PDB file of N, CA and C in Angstrom:
ATOM      1  N   UNK A   1      23.261 -14.934  -0.794  1.00  0.00           N
ATOM      2  CA  UNK A   1      22.172 -15.278  -0.602  1.00  0.00           C
ATOM      3  C   UNK A   1      21.107 -14.748  -1.336  1.00  0.00           C
ATOM      4  N   UNK A   2      20.319 -15.161  -2.103  1.00  0.00           N
ATOM      5  CA  UNK A   2      19.381 -14.597  -2.873  1.00  0.00           C
ATOM      6  C   UNK A   2      18.201 -13.816  -2.027  1.00  0.00           C
ATOM      7  N   UNK A   3      17.632 -13.040  -2.656  1.00  0.00           N
ATOM      8  CA  UNK A   3      16.507 -12.356  -2.003  1.00  0.00           C
ATOM      9  C   UNK A   3      15.129 -13.111  -1.972  1.00  0.00           C
ATOM     10  N   UNK A   4      14.551 -13.066  -0.738  1.00  0.00           N
ATOM     11  CA  UNK A   4      13.172 -13.791  -0.552  1.00  0.00           C
ATOM     12  C   UNK A   4      12.328 -13.270  -1.478  1.00  0.00           C
ATOM     13  N   UNK A   5      11.342 -13.767  -1.891  1.00  0.00           N
ATOM     14  CA  UNK A   5      10.339 -13.415  -2.806  1.00  0.00           C
ATOM     15  C   UNK A   5       9.328 -12.675  -1.828  1.00  0.00           C
ATOM     16  N   UNK A   6       8.824 -11.568  -2.455  1.00  0.00           N
ATOM     17  CA  UNK A   6       7.792 -10.691  -2.022  1.00  0.00           C
ATOM     18  C   UNK A   6       6.318 -11.010  -2.378  1.00  0.00           C
ATOM     19  N   UNK A   7       5.440 -10.835  -1.164  1.00  0.00           N
ATOM     20  CA  UNK A   7       4.000 -11.235  -1.127  1.00  0.00           C
ATOM     21  C   UNK A   7       3.649 -10.260  -2.209  1.00  0.00           C
ATOM     22  N   UNK A   8       2.201 -10.610  -3.244  1.00  0.00           N
ATOM     23  CA  UNK A   8       1.815  -9.994  -3.962  1.00  0.00           C
ATOM     24  C   UNK A   8       1.347  -8.581  -3.065  1.00  0.00           C
ATOM     25  N   UNK A   9       0.405  -8.592  -2.022  1.00  0.00           N
ATOM     26  CA  UNK A   9      -0.060  -7.442  -1.307  1.00  0.00           C
ATOM     27  C   UNK A   9       0.976  -6.454  -0.999  1.00  0.00           C
ATOM     28  N   UNK A  10       2.505  -7.159  -1.024  1.00  0.00           N
ATOM     29  CA  UNK A  10       3.513  -6.360  -0.487  1.00  0.00           C
ATOM     30  C   UNK A  10       4.113  -5.180  -2.008  1.00  0.00           C
ATOM     31  N   UNK A  11       4.022  -6.331  -2.869  1.00  0.00           N
ATOM     32  CA  UNK A  11       3.983  -5.476  -3.990  1.00  0.00           C
ATOM     33  C   UNK A  11       3.123  -4.338  -4.508  1.00  0.00           C
ATOM     34  N   UNK A  12       1.741  -4.919  -4.230  1.00  0.00           N
ATOM     35  CA  UNK A  12       0.722  -3.730  -4.613  1.00  0.00           C
ATOM     36  C   UNK A  12       1.128  -2.631  -3.595  1.00  0.00           C
ATOM     37  N   UNK A  13       1.095  -2.707  -2.542  1.00  0.00           N
ATOM     38  CA  UNK A  13       1.640  -1.723  -1.303  1.00  0.00           C
ATOM     39  C   UNK A  13       2.698  -0.831  -1.790  1.00  0.00           C
ATOM     40  N   UNK A  14       3.753  -1.243  -2.467  1.00  0.00           N
ATOM     41  CA  UNK A  14       4.827  -0.651  -2.840  1.00  0.00           C
ATOM     42  C   UNK A  14       4.713   0.167  -4.188  1.00  0.00           C
ATOM     43  N   UNK A  15       3.572  -0.417  -5.095  1.00  0.00           N
ATOM     44  CA  UNK A  15       3.328   0.508  -6.008  1.00  0.00           C
ATOM     45  C   UNK A  15       2.569   1.353  -5.769  1.00  0.00           C
ATOM     46  N   UNK A  16       1.366   1.254  -4.720  1.00  0.00           N
ATOM     47  CA  UNK A  16       0.854   2.334  -4.613  1.00  0.00           C
ATOM     48  C   UNK A  16       1.285   3.367  -3.641  1.00  0.00           C
ATOM     49  N   UNK A  17       2.247   2.899  -2.937  1.00  0.00           N
ATOM     50  CA  UNK A  17       3.272   4.041  -2.019  1.00  0.00           C
ATOM     51  C   UNK A  17       4.253   4.745  -3.208  1.00  0.00           C
ATOM     52  N   UNK A  18       4.819   4.225  -3.709  1.00  0.00           N
ATOM     53  CA  UNK A  18       5.374   4.947  -5.488  1.00  0.00           C
ATOM     54  C   UNK A  18       4.610   5.918  -6.097  1.00  0.00           C
ATOM     55  N   UNK A  19       3.072   5.550  -6.039  1.00  0.00           N
ATOM     56  CA  UNK A  19       2.412   6.495  -6.623  1.00  0.00           C
ATOM     57  C   UNK A  19       1.995   7.942  -5.767  1.00  0.00           C
ATOM     58  N   UNK A  20       1.994   7.507  -4.654  1.00  0.00           N
ATOM     59  CA  UNK A  20       1.882   8.581  -3.465  1.00  0.00           C
ATOM     60  C   UNK A  20       3.256   9.501  -3.374  1.00  0.00           C
ATOM     61  N   UNK A  21       4.155   8.765  -3.625  1.00  0.00           N
ATOM     62  CA  UNK A  21       5.468   9.434  -3.472  1.00  0.00           C
ATOM     63  C   UNK A  21       5.783  10.416  -4.763  1.00  0.00           C
ATOM     64  N   UNK A  22       5.230   9.743  -5.880  1.00  0.00           N
ATOM     65  CA  UNK A  22       5.384  10.416  -7.282  1.00  0.00           C
ATOM     66  C   UNK A  22       4.281  11.726  -7.377  1.00  0.00           C
ATOM     67  N   UNK A  23       3.333  11.590  -6.350  1.00  0.00           N
ATOM     68  CA  UNK A  23       2.352  12.580  -6.438  1.00  0.00           C
ATOM     69  C   UNK A  23       1.251  12.265  -7.225  1.00  0.00           C
ATOM     70  N   UNK A  24       1.059  10.966  -7.894  1.00  0.00           N
ATOM     71  CA  UNK A  24       0.217  10.713  -8.639  1.00  0.00           C
ATOM     72  C   UNK A  24      -1.166  10.406  -7.659  1.00  0.00           C
ATOM     73  N   UNK A  25      -0.743  10.377  -6.411  1.00  0.00           N
ATOM     74  CA  UNK A  25      -2.101  10.179  -5.287  1.00  0.00           C
ATOM     75  C   UNK A  25      -1.550  11.379  -4.392  1.00  0.00           C
ATOM     76  N   UNK A  26      -1.988  12.420  -4.356  1.00  0.00           N
ATOM     77  CA  UNK A  26      -1.596  13.508  -3.415  1.00  0.00           C
ATOM     78  C   UNK A  26      -2.478  13.398  -2.139  1.00  0.00           C
ATOM     79  N   UNK A  27      -1.969  13.977  -0.917  1.00  0.00           N
ATOM     80  CA  UNK A  27      -2.181  14.050   0.143  1.00  0.00           C
ATOM     81  C   UNK A  27      -3.903  14.169   0.104  1.00  0.00           C
ATOM     82  N   UNK A  28      -4.804  13.578   0.818  1.00  0.00           N
ATOM     83  CA  UNK A  28      -6.131  13.796   0.757  1.00  0.00           C
ATOM     84  C   UNK A  28      -6.874  13.108  -0.611  1.00  0.00           C
ATOM     85  N   UNK A  29      -6.136  12.355  -1.563  1.00  0.00           N
ATOM     86  CA  UNK A  29      -6.988  11.668  -2.687  1.00  0.00           C
ATOM     87  C   UNK A  29      -7.339  10.576  -2.097  1.00  0.00           C
ATOM     88  N   UNK A  30      -8.653  10.349  -2.551  1.00  0.00           N
ATOM     89  CA  UNK A  30      -9.182   8.799  -2.426  1.00  0.00           C
ATOM     90  C   UNK A  30      -8.353   7.708  -3.367  1.00  0.00           C
ATOM     91  N   UNK A  31      -8.030   6.605  -2.466  1.00  0.00           N
ATOM     92  CA  UNK A  31      -7.867   5.358  -3.446  1.00  0.00           C
ATOM     93  C   UNK A  31      -9.024   4.914  -3.960  1.00  0.00           C
ATOM     94  N   UNK A  32      -8.833   4.039  -5.284  1.00  0.00           N
ATOM     95  CA  UNK A  32     -10.015   3.749  -5.941  1.00  0.00           C
ATOM     96  C   UNK A  32     -10.861   2.459  -4.941  1.00  0.00           C
ATOM     97  N   UNK A  33     -11.624   2.300  -5.181  1.00  0.00           N
ATOM     98  CA  UNK A  33     -12.530   1.196  -4.415  1.00  0.00           C
ATOM     99  C   UNK A  33     -11.852  -0.151  -4.501  1.00  0.00           C
ATOM    100  N   UNK A  34     -12.453  -1.122  -3.485  1.00  0.00           N
ATOM    101  CA  UNK A  34     -11.372  -2.414  -3.529  1.00  0.00           C
ATOM    102  C   UNK A  34     -11.905  -3.161  -4.925  1.00  0.00           C
ATOM    103  N   UNK A  35     -13.001  -3.015  -5.333  1.00  0.00           N
ATOM    104  CA  UNK A  35     -13.124  -3.815  -6.678  1.00  0.00           C
ATOM    105  C   UNK A  35     -12.425  -3.291  -7.971  1.00  0.00           C
ATOM    106  N   UNK A  36     -12.404  -1.695  -8.219  1.00  0.00           N
ATOM    107  CA  UNK A  36     -11.916  -1.152  -8.979  1.00  0.00           C
ATOM    108  C   UNK A  36     -10.479  -1.683  -9.022  1.00  0.00           C
ATOM    109  N   UNK A  37      -9.796  -1.502  -7.711  1.00  0.00           N
ATOM    110  CA  UNK A  37      -8.520  -1.986  -7.705  1.00  0.00           C
ATOM    111  C   UNK A  37      -8.259  -3.186  -7.958  1.00  0.00           C
ATOM    112  N   UNK A  38      -9.225  -4.312  -7.843  1.00  0.00           N
ATOM    113  CA  UNK A  38      -8.857  -5.713  -8.183  1.00  0.00           C
ATOM    114  C   UNK A  38      -8.750  -5.652 -10.007  1.00  0.00           C
ATOM    115  N   UNK A  39      -9.312  -4.604 -10.504  1.00  0.00           N
ATOM    116  CA  UNK A  39      -9.391  -4.672 -12.103  1.00  0.00           C
ATOM    117  C   UNK A  39      -8.025  -4.099 -12.504  1.00  0.00           C
ATOM    118  N   UNK A  40      -7.783  -2.820 -11.789  1.00  0.00           N
ATOM    119  CA  UNK A  40      -6.620  -2.095 -12.094  1.00  0.00           C
ATOM    120  C   UNK A  40      -5.442  -2.826 -11.990  1.00  0.00           C
ATOM    121  N   UNK A  41      -5.097  -3.457 -11.016  1.00  0.00           N
ATOM    122  CA  UNK A  41      -4.117  -4.136 -10.544  1.00  0.00           C
ATOM    123  C   UNK A  41      -4.114  -5.778 -11.051  1.00  0.00           C
ATOM    124  N   UNK A  42      -5.291  -6.268 -11.330  1.00  0.00           N
ATOM    125  CA  UNK A  42      -5.043  -7.534 -11.899  1.00  0.00           C
ATOM    126  C   UNK A  42      -4.904  -8.719 -10.602  1.00  0.00           C
ATOM    127  N   UNK A  43      -5.232  -8.139  -9.418  1.00  0.00           N
ATOM    128  CA  UNK A  43      -5.115  -8.889  -8.310  1.00  0.00           C
ATOM    129  C   UNK A  43      -6.414  -9.246  -7.407  1.00  0.00           C
ATOM    130  N   UNK A  44      -6.353 -10.470  -6.646  1.00  0.00           N
ATOM    131  CA  UNK A  44      -7.661 -10.816  -5.994  1.00  0.00           C
ATOM    132  C   UNK A  44      -8.258  -9.681  -4.995  1.00  0.00           C
ATOM    133  N   UNK A  45      -9.351  -9.505  -4.610  1.00  0.00           N
ATOM    134  CA  UNK A  45     -10.087  -8.394  -3.583  1.00  0.00           C
ATOM    135  C   UNK A  45      -9.290  -8.835  -2.345  1.00  0.00           C
ATOM    136  N   UNK A  46      -8.669  -9.928  -1.799  1.00  0.00           N
ATOM    137  CA  UNK A  46      -7.825 -10.228  -0.618  1.00  0.00           C
ATOM    138  C   UNK A  46      -6.322  -9.715  -0.429  1.00  0.00           C
ATOM    139  N   UNK A  47      -5.875  -9.673  -1.808  1.00  0.00           N
ATOM    140  CA  UNK A  47      -4.670  -8.944  -2.086  1.00  0.00           C
ATOM    141  C   UNK A  47      -4.775  -7.531  -1.628  1.00  0.00           C
ATOM    142  N   UNK A  48      -5.912  -6.790  -2.497  1.00  0.00           N
ATOM    143  CA  UNK A  48      -6.143  -5.362  -2.275  1.00  0.00           C
ATOM    144  C   UNK A  48      -5.946  -5.130  -0.621  1.00  0.00           C
ATOM    145  N   UNK A  49      -6.886  -5.993  -0.048  1.00  0.00           N
ATOM    146  CA  UNK A  49      -7.489  -5.730   1.290  1.00  0.00           C
ATOM    147  C   UNK A  49      -6.002  -5.697   2.265  1.00  0.00           C
ATOM    148  N   UNK A  50      -5.024  -6.771   1.890  1.00  0.00           N
ATOM    149  CA  UNK A  50      -3.794  -6.758   2.684  1.00  0.00           C
ATOM    150  C   UNK A  50      -3.107  -5.822   2.552  1.00  0.00           C
ATOM    151  N   UNK A  51      -2.947  -5.151   1.124  1.00  0.00           N
ATOM    152  CA  UNK A  51      -2.217  -4.050   0.754  1.00  0.00           C
ATOM    153  C   UNK A  51      -2.482  -2.872   1.512  1.00  0.00           C
ATOM    154  N   UNK A  52      -4.135  -2.792   1.452  1.00  0.00           N
ATOM    155  CA  UNK A  52      -4.272  -1.713   2.372  1.00  0.00           C
ATOM    156  C   UNK A  52      -4.207  -1.456   3.623  1.00  0.00           C
ATOM    157  N   UNK A  53      -4.143  -2.928   4.394  1.00  0.00           N
ATOM    158  CA  UNK A  53      -3.669  -2.826   5.772  1.00  0.00           C
ATOM    159  C   UNK A  53      -2.320  -2.467   5.655  1.00  0.00           C
ATOM    160  N   UNK A  54      -1.325  -3.068   4.888  1.00  0.00           N
ATOM    161  CA  UNK A  54      -0.023  -2.616   4.961  1.00  0.00           C
ATOM    162  C   UNK A  54       0.008  -1.239   4.723  1.00  0.00           C
ATOM    163  N   UNK A  55      -0.480  -0.636   4.013  1.00  0.00           N
ATOM    164  CA  UNK A  55      -0.312   1.113   3.622  1.00  0.00           C
ATOM    165  C   UNK A  55      -0.926   1.529   4.967  1.00  0.00           C
ATOM    166  N   UNK A  56      -1.785   1.225   5.502  1.00  0.00           N
ATOM    167  CA  UNK A  56      -1.937   1.456   7.176  1.00  0.00           C
ATOM    168  C   UNK A  56      -0.937   1.581   8.265  1.00  0.00           C
ATOM    169  N   UNK A  57      -0.273   0.563   8.216  1.00  0.00           N
ATOM    170  CA  UNK A  57       0.868   0.169   8.938  1.00  0.00           C
ATOM    171  C   UNK A  57       1.903   1.288   8.600  1.00  0.00           C
ATOM    172  N   UNK A  58       2.011   1.405   7.405  1.00  0.00           N
ATOM    173  CA  UNK A  58       3.203   2.355   7.106  1.00  0.00           C
ATOM    174  C   UNK A  58       2.540   3.768   7.242  1.00  0.00           C
ATOM    175  N   UNK A  59       1.486   4.288   7.596  1.00  0.00           N
ATOM    176  CA  UNK A  59       0.874   5.446   7.972  1.00  0.00           C
ATOM    177  C   UNK A  59       1.038   6.432   6.378  1.00  0.00           C
ATOM    178  N   UNK A  60       0.388   5.604   5.704  1.00  0.00           N
ATOM    179  CA  UNK A  60       0.166   6.311   4.410  1.00  0.00           C
ATOM    180  C   UNK A  60      -1.193   6.589   4.090  1.00  0.00           C
ATOM    181  N   UNK A  61      -2.152   5.832   4.359  1.00  0.00           N
ATOM    182  CA  UNK A  61      -3.543   5.872   4.102  1.00  0.00           C
ATOM    183  C   UNK A  61      -4.481   5.744   5.510  1.00  0.00           C
ATOM    184  N   UNK A  62      -5.371   6.154   5.337  1.00  0.00           N
ATOM    185  CA  UNK A  62      -6.654   5.731   6.506  1.00  0.00           C
ATOM    186  C   UNK A  62      -7.861   5.766   5.850  1.00  0.00           C
ATOM    187  N   UNK A  63      -8.222   4.369   6.340  1.00  0.00           N
ATOM    188  CA  UNK A  63      -9.929   4.130   5.933  1.00  0.00           C
ATOM    189  C   UNK A  63     -10.774   4.608   6.793  1.00  0.00           C
ATOM    190  N   UNK A  64     -11.675   5.475   6.416  1.00  0.00           N
ATOM    191  CA  UNK A  64     -12.805   5.592   6.843  1.00  0.00           C
ATOM    192  C   UNK A  64     -14.014   4.702   6.548  1.00  0.00           C
ATOM    193  N   UNK A  65     -14.871   4.246   7.389  1.00  0.00           N
ATOM    194  CA  UNK A  65     -16.002   3.267   7.232  1.00  0.00           C
ATOM    195  C   UNK A  65     -17.248   3.993   6.585  1.00  0.00           C
ATOM    196  N   UNK A  66     -17.429   3.155   5.347  1.00  0.00           N
ATOM    197  CA  UNK A  66     -18.503   3.658   4.345  1.00  0.00           C
ATOM    198  C   UNK A  66     -18.097   4.998   3.685  1.00  0.00           C
ATOM    199  N   UNK A  67     -16.724   5.496   3.815  1.00  0.00           N
ATOM    200  CA  UNK A  67     -16.346   6.516   3.078  1.00  0.00           C
ATOM    201  C   UNK A  67     -15.296   6.359   2.101  1.00  0.00           C
ATOM    202  N   UNK A  68     -14.423   5.412   2.395  1.00  0.00           N
ATOM    203  CA  UNK A  68     -13.080   4.999   1.374  1.00  0.00           C
ATOM    204  C   UNK A  68     -12.000   5.263   1.972  1.00  0.00           C
ATOM    205  N   UNK A  69     -10.938   4.946   1.320  1.00  0.00           N
ATOM    206  CA  UNK A  69      -9.407   5.033   1.978  1.00  0.00           C
ATOM    207  C   UNK A  69      -8.848   6.257   1.480  1.00  0.00           C
ATOM    208  N   UNK A  70      -8.068   6.863   2.173  1.00  0.00           N
ATOM    209  CA  UNK A  70      -7.370   8.505   1.717  1.00  0.00           C
ATOM    210  C   UNK A  70      -6.090   8.316   2.043  1.00  0.00           C
ATOM    211  N   UNK A  71      -5.436   9.009   1.157  1.00  0.00           N
ATOM    212  CA  UNK A  71      -3.760   9.208   1.468  1.00  0.00           C
ATOM    213  C   UNK A  71      -3.652  10.137   2.435  1.00  0.00           C
ATOM    214  N   UNK A  72      -2.976   9.870   3.773  1.00  0.00           N
ATOM    215  CA  UNK A  72      -2.745  10.806   4.709  1.00  0.00           C
ATOM    216  C   UNK A  72      -1.274  11.067   4.892  1.00  0.00           C
ATOM    217  N   UNK A  73      -0.318  10.508   4.165  1.00  0.00           N
ATOM    218  CA  UNK A  73       1.153  10.898   4.261  1.00  0.00           C
ATOM    219  C   UNK A  73       1.786  10.533   3.173  1.00  0.00           C
ATOM    220  N   UNK A  74       3.174  10.589   3.246  1.00  0.00           N
ATOM    221  CA  UNK A  74       4.258  10.415   2.075  1.00  0.00           C
ATOM    222  C   UNK A  74       5.179   9.391   2.959  1.00  0.00           C
ATOM    223  N   UNK A  75       5.558   8.446   1.922  1.00  0.00           N
ATOM    224  CA  UNK A  75       6.465   7.607   2.125  1.00  0.00           C
ATOM    225  C   UNK A  75       7.719   7.961   2.880  1.00  0.00           C
ATOM    226  N   UNK A  76       8.395   7.404   4.014  1.00  0.00           N
ATOM    227  CA  UNK A  76       9.587   7.527   4.288  1.00  0.00           C
ATOM    228  C   UNK A  76      10.749   6.691   3.712  1.00  0.00           C
ATOM    229  N   UNK A  77      11.570   7.502   2.863  1.00  0.00           N
ATOM    230  CA  UNK A  77      12.526   6.606   2.065  1.00  0.00           C
ATOM    231  C   UNK A  77      13.694   6.039   2.991  1.00  0.00           C
ATOM    232  N   UNK A  78      13.799   6.236   4.254  1.00  0.00           N
ATOM    233  CA  UNK A  78      14.670   5.596   5.076  1.00  0.00           C
ATOM    234  C   UNK A  78      14.037   4.132   5.604  1.00  0.00           C
ATOM    235  N   UNK A  79      12.648   3.938   5.127  1.00  0.00           N
ATOM    236  CA  UNK A  79      11.696   3.084   5.705  1.00  0.00           C
ATOM    237  C   UNK A  79      11.634   1.759   4.825  1.00  0.00           C
ATOM    238  N   UNK A  80      12.287   1.916   3.554  1.00  0.00           N
ATOM    239  CA  UNK A  80      12.089   0.946   2.561  1.00  0.00           C
ATOM    240  C   UNK A  80      12.440  -0.577   2.698  1.00  0.00           C
ATOM    241  N   UNK A  81      13.469  -0.783   3.631  1.00  0.00           N
ATOM    242  CA  UNK A  81      13.615  -2.069   4.038  1.00  0.00           C
ATOM    243  C   UNK A  81      13.250  -2.120   5.339  1.00  0.00           C
ATOM    244  N   UNK A  82      12.955  -3.513   6.046  1.00  0.00           N
ATOM    245  CA  UNK A  82      12.415  -3.793   7.373  1.00  0.00           C
ATOM    246  C   UNK A  82      13.852  -3.709   8.218  1.00  0.00           C
ATOM    247  N   UNK A  83      13.403  -3.377   9.283  1.00  0.00           N
ATOM    248  CA  UNK A  83      14.573  -3.133  10.357  1.00  0.00           C
ATOM    249  C   UNK A  83      14.772  -4.765  10.650  1.00  0.00           C
ATOM    250  N   UNK A  84      16.228  -4.904  10.862  1.00  0.00           N
ATOM    251  CA  UNK A  84      16.709  -6.451  11.453  1.00  0.00           C
ATOM    252  C   UNK A  84      15.756  -6.966  12.740  1.00  0.00           C
ATOM    253  N   UNK A  85      15.706  -8.049  12.457  1.00  0.00           N
ATOM    254  CA  UNK A  85      14.422  -8.573  13.456  1.00  0.00           C
ATOM    255  C   UNK A  85      12.917  -8.501  13.173  1.00  0.00           C
ATOM    256  N   UNK A  86      12.644  -7.501  12.056  1.00  0.00           N
ATOM    257  CA  UNK A  86      11.352  -7.068  12.058  1.00  0.00           C
ATOM    258  C   UNK A  86      10.877  -8.041  10.837  1.00  0.00           C
ATOM    259  N   UNK A  87       9.400  -8.813  11.110  1.00  0.00           N
ATOM    260  CA  UNK A  87       8.895  -9.687   9.931  1.00  0.00           C
ATOM    261  C   UNK A  87       8.454  -8.548   8.694  1.00  0.00           C
ATOM    262  N   UNK A  88       8.657  -9.021   7.557  1.00  0.00           N
ATOM    263  CA  UNK A  88       8.358  -8.125   6.684  1.00  0.00           C
ATOM    264  C   UNK A  88       6.968  -8.736   5.846  1.00  0.00           C
ATOM    265  N   UNK A  89       6.384  -9.335   6.180  1.00  0.00           N
ATOM    266  CA  UNK A  89       4.670  -9.715   5.983  1.00  0.00           C
ATOM    267  C   UNK A  89       3.730  -9.042   6.798  1.00  0.00           C
TER     268      UNK A  89
END
């Protein structure tokens, strides 16, 4: 069976998670603003917003209203694939 295509926001969240894991975005670092990320990654603002929500779900970032989004954790290598029965969107 072939692998299902991944949504763009998941791809973006994975790319940012990889940057966090590689130390390019250390704990406490601020993510670029939404508009800057649209230019940086070549995606829509909706994709950026959904990716940030995904990163929050993963426990990697926290968003402070009117302050920005900051790295708060490192990716768990054992959580790369969704659990059985768990939606991956």
